[in-house]
Amino acid sequence: MRDEIFKDKLEKQFEFDESVVSVFDDMIDRSVPFYREQISLIAHFASLSLSNGGRVYDLGSSTGNVLFELYKSIPSHTELIGLDSSLAMIERARLKARAYEACNIKFLHQDFLEYEFLPSEVMIASWTMQFVRPLMRERMISKIYQSLRENGIFLMSEKMVSSDKVLDRLMIERYHQYKATQGYSQIEINQKREALENVLVPYTQEENFSMLKNAGFKSVEILFKWVNFALLIARK
């Protein structure tokens, strides 16, 4: 289904309700530059830590695209767990799991901020932490670190900002040009930006690196970056 959510003015704050979920896969394909390439990278680097199986958590798993991509290339006894606070997202992911016959993927309707993790080899947060309130974000990253086994990895995709206001404006303009090439009108672009204000709160690259290092991760690297979108990998 094609994303036309922002053709009309939203009367409420943006949330991942049924109306968004129904068009989510189209929305993210057209809104996140090189989306498919990024989830392919996530799956590749996650699979390197899962040659003997293990446990993976995907935080804010939405309709399950990341876990379905990972599912293709790992041992069948690997435990894949997707967590999302949106029931509509979880229901859509479960439908897709049945269609793919992916019986070892569990999608749980849970708030990952409150969820008690079991020890894991891989944690994934793809365009998720940017929606966690800044006061809670550092604590959440520490919780992720603590749940990982030694040498476990955390893969985090984020939209970022620049501390240089001029460069930040130029990057936003370039991103809006990209969205226009994906078929979004200027009205849709502006209305989505307004709807996400104070809901999506991005950090700078430096702030994200500092947050991960402060939690205890010994290595942090950039796997992918396009203008103001980046995929980071951190190793415990």
C-alpha atoms as a PDB file:
ATOM      1  CA  MET A   1       0.000   0.000   0.000  1.00  0.00           C
ATOM      2  CA  ARG A   2       1.399   3.433  -0.959  1.00  0.00           C
ATOM      3  CA  ASP A   3       2.272   5.946   1.760  1.00  0.00           C
ATOM      4  CA  GLU A   4      -0.011   8.974   1.461  1.00  0.00           C
ATOM      5  CA  ILE A   5      -0.347   9.630   5.211  1.00  0.00           C
ATOM      6  CA  PHE A   6       0.850  13.224   4.988  1.00  0.00           C
ATOM      7  CA  LYS A   7      -1.186  14.370   2.008  1.00  0.00           C
ATOM      8  CA  ASP A   8      -3.740  15.590   4.553  1.00  0.00           C
ATOM      9  CA  LYS A   9      -2.895  17.425   7.752  1.00  0.00           C
ATOM     10  CA  LEU A  10      -2.621  15.153  10.786  1.00  0.00           C
ATOM     11  CA  GLU A  11      -4.962  16.049  13.622  1.00  0.00           C
ATOM     12  CA  LYS A  12      -2.823  14.324  16.262  1.00  0.00           C
ATOM     13  CA  GLN A  13       0.801  13.659  17.144  1.00  0.00           C
ATOM     14  CA  PHE A  14       2.579  11.117  14.946  1.00  0.00           C
ATOM     15  CA  GLU A  15       2.338   7.551  16.225  1.00  0.00           C
ATOM     16  CA  PHE A  16       2.798   4.067  14.801  1.00  0.00           C
ATOM     17  CA  ASP A  17      -0.917   3.259  14.663  1.00  0.00           C
ATOM     18  CA  GLU A  18      -2.815   1.114  12.149  1.00  0.00           C
ATOM     19  CA  SER A  19      -2.886   3.868   9.524  1.00  0.00           C
ATOM     20  CA  VAL A  20       0.918   4.147   9.578  1.00  0.00           C
ATOM     21  CA  VAL A  21       1.491   0.395   9.833  1.00  0.00           C
ATOM     22  CA  SER A  22      -0.642  -0.244   6.736  1.00  0.00           C
ATOM     23  CA  VAL A  23       1.813   1.788   4.615  1.00  0.00           C
ATOM     24  CA  PHE A  24       4.962   1.367   6.720  1.00  0.00           C
ATOM     25  CA  ASP A  25       6.999  -0.786   4.341  1.00  0.00           C
ATOM     26  CA  ASP A  26       6.431   1.673   1.496  1.00  0.00           C
ATOM     27  CA  MET A  27       7.088   4.605   3.842  1.00  0.00           C
ATOM     28  CA  ILE A  28      10.434   3.337   5.067  1.00  0.00           C
ATOM     29  CA  ASP A  29      11.569   2.209   1.606  1.00  0.00           C
ATOM     30  CA  ARG A  30      10.944   5.731   0.284  1.00  0.00           C
ATOM     31  CA  SER A  31      11.989   7.685   3.389  1.00  0.00           C
ATOM     32  CA  VAL A  32      15.275   6.048   4.422  1.00  0.00           C
ATOM     33  CA  PRO A  33      18.021   6.358   1.787  1.00  0.00           C
ATOM     34  CA  PHE A  34      19.553   2.994   0.863  1.00  0.00           C
ATOM     35  CA  TYR A  35      17.220   1.249   3.300  1.00  0.00           C
ATOM     36  CA  ARG A  36      17.560  -2.201   1.746  1.00  0.00           C
ATOM     37  CA  GLU A  37      21.354  -1.907   1.592  1.00  0.00           C
ATOM     38  CA  GLN A  38      21.443  -0.964   5.262  1.00  0.00           C
ATOM     39  CA  ILE A  39      19.344  -3.895   6.456  1.00  0.00           C
ATOM     40  CA  SER A  40      21.516  -6.162   4.308  1.00  0.00           C
ATOM     41  CA  LEU A  41      24.582  -4.816   6.136  1.00  0.00           C
ATOM     42  CA  ILE A  42      22.869  -5.313   9.496  1.00  0.00           C
ATOM     43  CA  ALA A  43      22.058  -8.918   8.622  1.00  0.00           C
ATOM     44  CA  HIS A  44      25.589  -9.610   7.361  1.00  0.00           C
ATOM     45  CA  PHE A  45      27.422  -8.277  10.411  1.00  0.00           C
ATOM     46  CA  ALA A  46      24.904  -9.788  12.820  1.00  0.00           C
ATOM     47  CA  SER A  47      25.298 -13.206  11.182  1.00  0.00           C
ATOM     48  CA  LEU A  48      29.069 -13.134  11.813  1.00  0.00           C
ATOM     49  CA  SER A  49      28.342 -13.385  15.545  1.00  0.00           C
ATOM     50  CA  LEU A  50      25.800 -16.178  15.082  1.00  0.00           C
ATOM     51  CA  SER A  51      27.737 -18.970  13.374  1.00  0.00           C
ATOM     52  CA  ASN A  52      26.935 -21.193  16.369  1.00  0.00           C
ATOM     53  CA  GLY A  53      23.452 -19.814  16.908  1.00  0.00           C
ATOM     54  CA  GLY A  54      22.521 -17.619  19.844  1.00  0.00           C
ATOM     55  CA  ARG A  55      19.996 -14.928  20.626  1.00  0.00           C
ATOM     56  CA  VAL A  56      19.164 -11.695  18.803  1.00  0.00           C
ATOM     57  CA  TYR A  57      16.907  -8.858  19.916  1.00  0.00           C
ATOM     58  CA  ASP A  58      15.537  -6.317  17.450  1.00  0.00           C
ATOM     59  CA  LEU A  59      14.305  -3.281  19.382  1.00  0.00           C
ATOM     60  CA  GLY A  60      11.427  -1.524  17.707  1.00  0.00           C
ATOM     61  CA  SER A  61      11.189  -4.328  15.169  1.00  0.00           C
ATOM     62  CA  SER A  62       8.237  -2.743  13.288  1.00  0.00           C
ATOM     63  CA  THR A  63       7.041  -5.116  10.529  1.00  0.00           C
ATOM     64  CA  GLY A  64      10.071  -7.375  10.925  1.00  0.00           C
ATOM     65  CA  ASN A  65      12.117  -6.542   7.828  1.00  0.00           C
ATOM     66  CA  VAL A  66      15.495  -6.690   9.604  1.00  0.00           C
ATOM     67  CA  LEU A  67      14.839 -10.045  11.250  1.00  0.00           C
ATOM     68  CA  PHE A  68      13.460 -11.546   8.051  1.00  0.00           C
ATOM     69  CA  GLU A  69      16.628 -10.481   6.240  1.00  0.00           C
ATOM     70  CA  LEU A  70      18.792 -11.984   9.006  1.00  0.00           C
ATOM     71  CA  TYR A  71      16.704 -15.173   9.057  1.00  0.00           C
ATOM     72  CA  LYS A  72      17.987 -16.084   5.568  1.00  0.00           C
ATOM     73  CA  SER A  73      21.615 -16.517   6.614  1.00  0.00           C
ATOM     74  CA  ILE A  74      21.843 -17.940  10.148  1.00  0.00           C
ATOM     75  CA  PRO A  75      21.552 -21.367  11.830  1.00  0.00           C
ATOM     76  CA  SER A  76      17.967 -22.505  12.344  1.00  0.00           C
ATOM     77  CA  HIS A  77      18.400 -22.818  16.121  1.00  0.00           C
ATOM     78  CA  THR A  78      19.144 -19.084  16.493  1.00  0.00           C
ATOM     79  CA  GLU A  79      16.530 -17.305  18.598  1.00  0.00           C
ATOM     80  CA  LEU A  80      15.252 -14.129  16.937  1.00  0.00           C
ATOM     81  CA  ILE A  81      13.098 -11.812  19.047  1.00  0.00           C
ATOM     82  CA  GLY A  82      11.433  -8.647  17.805  1.00  0.00           C
ATOM     83  CA  LEU A  83      10.052  -6.192  20.348  1.00  0.00           C
ATOM     84  CA  ASP A  84       7.687  -3.345  19.535  1.00  0.00           C
ATOM     85  CA  SER A  85       5.306  -1.234  21.617  1.00  0.00           C
ATOM     86  CA  SER A  86       2.915  -0.883  18.665  1.00  0.00           C
ATOM     87  CA  LEU A  87       0.445  -3.772  18.640  1.00  0.00           C
ATOM     88  CA  ALA A  88      -0.421  -3.015  15.003  1.00  0.00           C
ATOM     89  CA  MET A  89       3.268  -3.432  14.056  1.00  0.00           C
ATOM     90  CA  ILE A  90       3.529  -6.737  15.927  1.00  0.00           C
ATOM     91  CA  GLU A  91       0.382  -8.116  14.327  1.00  0.00           C
ATOM     92  CA  ARG A  92       1.663  -7.203  10.849  1.00  0.00           C
ATOM     93  CA  ALA A  93       5.084  -8.799  11.595  1.00  0.00           C
ATOM     94  CA  ARG A  94       3.425 -12.013  12.824  1.00  0.00           C
ATOM     95  CA  LEU A  95       1.394 -12.245   9.617  1.00  0.00           C
ATOM     96  CA  LYS A  96       4.571 -11.903   7.568  1.00  0.00           C
ATOM     97  CA  ALA A  97       6.340 -14.519   9.726  1.00  0.00           C
ATOM     98  CA  ARG A  98       3.564 -17.011   9.020  1.00  0.00           C
ATOM     99  CA  ALA A  99       3.791 -16.257   5.301  1.00  0.00           C
ATOM    100  CA  TYR A 100       7.582 -16.812   5.352  1.00  0.00           C
ATOM    101  CA  GLU A 101       7.198 -19.881   7.626  1.00  0.00           C
ATOM    102  CA  ALA A 102       9.779 -18.259   9.884  1.00  0.00           C
ATOM    103  CA  CYS A 103       8.863 -20.189  13.004  1.00  0.00           C
ATOM    104  CA  ASN A 104      11.976 -19.245  15.017  1.00  0.00           C
ATOM    105  CA  ILE A 105      11.168 -15.517  14.965  1.00  0.00           C
ATOM    106  CA  LYS A 106       9.114 -14.271  17.904  1.00  0.00           C
ATOM    107  CA  PHE A 107       7.419 -10.890  17.755  1.00  0.00           C
ATOM    108  CA  LEU A 108       6.426  -9.614  21.186  1.00  0.00           C
ATOM    109  CA  HIS A 109       4.209  -6.668  22.011  1.00  0.00           C
ATOM    110  CA  GLN A 110       6.549  -5.147  24.593  1.00  0.00           C
ATOM    111  CA  ASP A 111       8.073  -1.812  25.546  1.00  0.00           C
ATOM    112  CA  PHE A 112      11.793  -2.569  25.236  1.00  0.00           C
ATOM    113  CA  LEU A 113      12.529   0.164  27.791  1.00  0.00           C
ATOM    114  CA  GLU A 114      10.908  -2.058  30.430  1.00  0.00           C
ATOM    115  CA  TYR A 115      11.646  -5.508  29.001  1.00  0.00           C
ATOM    116  CA  GLU A 116      14.056  -7.827  30.847  1.00  0.00           C
ATOM    117  CA  PHE A 117      16.559  -9.116  28.295  1.00  0.00           C
ATOM    118  CA  LEU A 118      18.204 -12.512  28.413  1.00  0.00           C
ATOM    119  CA  PRO A 119      21.918 -12.692  27.519  1.00  0.00           C
ATOM    120  CA  SER A 120      22.343 -12.179  23.778  1.00  0.00           C
ATOM    121  CA  GLU A 121      24.948 -12.182  21.032  1.00  0.00           C
ATOM    122  CA  VAL A 122      23.399  -9.384  18.975  1.00  0.00           C
ATOM    123  CA  MET A 123      21.192  -6.368  19.696  1.00  0.00           C
ATOM    124  CA  ILE A 124      19.705  -4.317  16.859  1.00  0.00           C
ATOM    125  CA  ALA A 125      18.021  -0.917  16.924  1.00  0.00           C
ATOM    126  CA  SER A 126      17.243   0.298  13.428  1.00  0.00           C
ATOM    127  CA  TRP A 127      15.894   3.869  13.438  1.00  0.00           C
ATOM    128  CA  THR A 128      14.645   3.277  16.962  1.00  0.00           C
ATOM    129  CA  MET A 129      16.817   5.052  19.528  1.00  0.00           C
ATOM    130  CA  GLN A 130      15.999   8.407  17.914  1.00  0.00           C
ATOM    131  CA  PHE A 131      12.448   7.945  19.258  1.00  0.00           C
ATOM    132  CA  VAL A 132      13.627   7.289  22.834  1.00  0.00           C
ATOM    133  CA  ARG A 133      13.487  10.413  24.960  1.00  0.00           C
ATOM    134  CA  PRO A 134      16.991  11.799  25.559  1.00  0.00           C
ATOM    135  CA  LEU A 135      16.682  11.466  29.350  1.00  0.00           C
ATOM    136  CA  MET A 136      16.113   7.720  28.946  1.00  0.00           C
ATOM    137  CA  ARG A 137      18.377   7.037  25.974  1.00  0.00           C
ATOM    138  CA  GLU A 138      21.700   6.744  27.786  1.00  0.00           C
ATOM    139  CA  ARG A 139      20.171   4.389  30.345  1.00  0.00           C
ATOM    140  CA  MET A 140      18.768   2.255  27.518  1.00  0.00           C
ATOM    141  CA  ILE A 141      22.153   2.007  25.804  1.00  0.00           C
ATOM    142  CA  SER A 142      23.684   0.861  29.110  1.00  0.00           C
ATOM    143  CA  LYS A 143      20.937  -1.761  29.423  1.00  0.00           C
ATOM    144  CA  ILE A 144      21.738  -3.008  25.913  1.00  0.00           C
ATOM    145  CA  TYR A 145      25.435  -3.203  26.765  1.00  0.00           C
ATOM    146  CA  GLN A 146      24.771  -5.159  29.959  1.00  0.00           C
ATOM    147  CA  SER A 147      22.573  -7.702  28.141  1.00  0.00           C
ATOM    148  CA  LEU A 148      25.220  -8.549  25.523  1.00  0.00           C
ATOM    149  CA  ARG A 149      27.673 -11.365  26.010  1.00  0.00           C
ATOM    150  CA  GLU A 150      31.395 -10.573  25.772  1.00  0.00           C
ATOM    151  CA  ASN A 151      32.274  -9.634  22.162  1.00  0.00           C
ATOM    152  CA  GLY A 152      28.576  -9.248  21.394  1.00  0.00           C
ATOM    153  CA  ILE A 153      27.607  -6.519  18.966  1.00  0.00           C
ATOM    154  CA  PHE A 154      25.066  -3.743  18.852  1.00  0.00           C
ATOM    155  CA  LEU A 155      23.934  -2.456  15.449  1.00  0.00           C
ATOM    156  CA  MET A 156      22.268   0.950  15.519  1.00  0.00           C
ATOM    157  CA  SER A 157      20.859   2.849  12.547  1.00  0.00           C
ATOM    158  CA  GLU A 158      20.009   6.478  13.206  1.00  0.00           C
ATOM    159  CA  LYS A 159      19.074   9.730  11.584  1.00  0.00           C
ATOM    160  CA  MET A 160      21.619  12.257  12.836  1.00  0.00           C
ATOM    161  CA  VAL A 161      22.128  15.996  12.989  1.00  0.00           C
ATOM    162  CA  SER A 162      25.237  18.123  12.548  1.00  0.00           C
ATOM    163  CA  SER A 163      26.525  20.436  15.268  1.00  0.00           C
ATOM    164  CA  ASP A 164      27.326  22.869  12.444  1.00  0.00           C
ATOM    165  CA  LYS A 165      23.998  24.621  11.764  1.00  0.00           C
ATOM    166  CA  VAL A 166      24.927  25.570   8.192  1.00  0.00           C
ATOM    167  CA  LEU A 167      25.927  22.010   7.281  1.00  0.00           C
ATOM    168  CA  ASP A 168      22.903  20.634   9.081  1.00  0.00           C
ATOM    169  CA  ARG A 169      20.581  22.825   6.979  1.00  0.00           C
ATOM    170  CA  LEU A 170      22.353  21.735   3.783  1.00  0.00           C
ATOM    171  CA  MET A 171      22.003  18.064   4.719  1.00  0.00           C
ATOM    172  CA  ILE A 172      18.307  18.474   5.494  1.00  0.00           C
ATOM    173  CA  GLU A 173      17.806  20.167   2.142  1.00  0.00           C
ATOM    174  CA  ARG A 174      19.581  17.298   0.375  1.00  0.00           C
ATOM    175  CA  TYR A 175      17.436  14.769   2.214  1.00  0.00           C
ATOM    176  CA  HIS A 176      14.273  16.600   1.196  1.00  0.00           C
ATOM    177  CA  GLN A 177      15.476  16.522  -2.415  1.00  0.00           C
ATOM    178  CA  TYR A 178      15.891  12.775  -2.056  1.00  0.00           C
ATOM    179  CA  LYS A 179      12.328  12.413  -0.751  1.00  0.00           C
ATOM    180  CA  ALA A 180      11.022  14.443  -3.678  1.00  0.00           C
ATOM    181  CA  THR A 181      12.661  11.952  -6.064  1.00  0.00           C
ATOM    182  CA  GLN A 182      10.726   9.214  -4.238  1.00  0.00           C
ATOM    183  CA  GLY A 183       7.434  10.844  -5.160  1.00  0.00           C
ATOM    184  CA  TYR A 184       6.685  12.864  -2.018  1.00  0.00           C
ATOM    185  CA  SER A 185       5.269  16.351  -2.554  1.00  0.00           C
ATOM    186  CA  GLN A 186       6.647  19.380  -0.730  1.00  0.00           C
ATOM    187  CA  ILE A 187       3.466  19.493   1.357  1.00  0.00           C
ATOM    188  CA  GLU A 188       3.955  15.855   2.425  1.00  0.00           C
ATOM    189  CA  ILE A 189       7.625  16.482   3.249  1.00  0.00           C
ATOM    190  CA  ASN A 190       6.814  19.556   5.346  1.00  0.00           C
ATOM    191  CA  GLN A 191       3.907  17.938   7.169  1.00  0.00           C
ATOM    192  CA  LYS A 192       5.888  14.844   8.095  1.00  0.00           C
ATOM    193  CA  ARG A 193       8.711  16.984   9.421  1.00  0.00           C
ATOM    194  CA  GLU A 194       6.233  18.947  11.551  1.00  0.00           C
ATOM    195  CA  ALA A 195       4.561  15.756  12.794  1.00  0.00           C
ATOM    196  CA  LEU A 196       7.890  14.258  13.903  1.00  0.00           C
ATOM    197  CA  GLU A 197       9.109  17.376  15.682  1.00  0.00           C
ATOM    198  CA  ASN A 198       9.728  16.542  19.354  1.00  0.00           C
ATOM    199  CA  VAL A 199       8.876  12.888  18.599  1.00  0.00           C
ATOM    200  CA  LEU A 200      12.056  12.024  16.682  1.00  0.00           C
ATOM    201  CA  VAL A 201      15.020  13.628  18.482  1.00  0.00           C
ATOM    202  CA  PRO A 202      18.292  12.888  16.632  1.00  0.00           C
ATOM    203  CA  TYR A 203      21.775  13.185  18.130  1.00  0.00           C
ATOM    204  CA  THR A 204      24.982  14.212  16.415  1.00  0.00           C
ATOM    205  CA  GLN A 205      27.456  11.537  15.373  1.00  0.00           C
ATOM    206  CA  GLU A 206      29.749  12.663  18.196  1.00  0.00           C
ATOM    207  CA  GLU A 207      26.951  12.367  20.765  1.00  0.00           C
ATOM    208  CA  ASN A 208      26.102   8.841  19.608  1.00  0.00           C
ATOM    209  CA  PHE A 209      29.750   7.742  19.735  1.00  0.00           C
ATOM    210  CA  SER A 210      30.154   9.247  23.198  1.00  0.00           C
ATOM    211  CA  MET A 211      26.964   7.569  24.462  1.00  0.00           C
ATOM    212  CA  LEU A 212      28.122   4.155  23.245  1.00  0.00           C
ATOM    213  CA  LYS A 213      31.640   4.561  24.624  1.00  0.00           C
ATOM    214  CA  ASN A 214      30.317   5.761  27.988  1.00  0.00           C
ATOM    215  CA  ALA A 215      28.157   2.632  28.223  1.00  0.00           C
ATOM    216  CA  GLY A 216      31.334   0.534  27.953  1.00  0.00           C
ATOM    217  CA  PHE A 217      31.569  -0.519  24.297  1.00  0.00           C
ATOM    218  CA  LYS A 218      35.246  -0.950  23.445  1.00  0.00           C
ATOM    219  CA  SER A 219      34.866  -0.352  19.705  1.00  0.00           C
ATOM    220  CA  VAL A 220      32.452   1.782  17.683  1.00  0.00           C
ATOM    221  CA  GLU A 221      32.587   2.096  13.894  1.00  0.00           C
ATOM    222  CA  ILE A 222      30.495   3.509  11.059  1.00  0.00           C
ATOM    223  CA  LEU A 223      29.329   0.801   8.647  1.00  0.00           C
ATOM    224  CA  PHE A 224      27.347   3.129   6.402  1.00  0.00           C
ATOM    225  CA  LYS A 225      26.616   6.830   6.090  1.00  0.00           C
ATOM    226  CA  TRP A 226      24.594   8.890   3.642  1.00  0.00           C
ATOM    227  CA  VAL A 227      24.268  12.604   4.455  1.00  0.00           C
ATOM    228  CA  ASN A 228      22.401  12.550   7.801  1.00  0.00           C
ATOM    229  CA  PHE A 229      21.703   8.801   8.033  1.00  0.00           C
ATOM    230  CA  ALA A 230      24.211   6.370   9.558  1.00  0.00           C
ATOM    231  CA  LEU A 231      24.582   2.752  10.617  1.00  0.00           C
ATOM    232  CA  LEU A 232      26.909   2.158  13.586  1.00  0.00           C
ATOM    233  CA  ILE A 233      28.348  -1.077  14.945  1.00  0.00           C
ATOM    234  CA  ALA A 234      29.577  -1.320  18.543  1.00  0.00           C
ATOM    235  CA  ARG A 235      31.392  -4.287  20.099  1.00  0.00           C
ATOM    236  CA  LYS A 236      31.364  -5.192  23.773  1.00  0.00           C
END
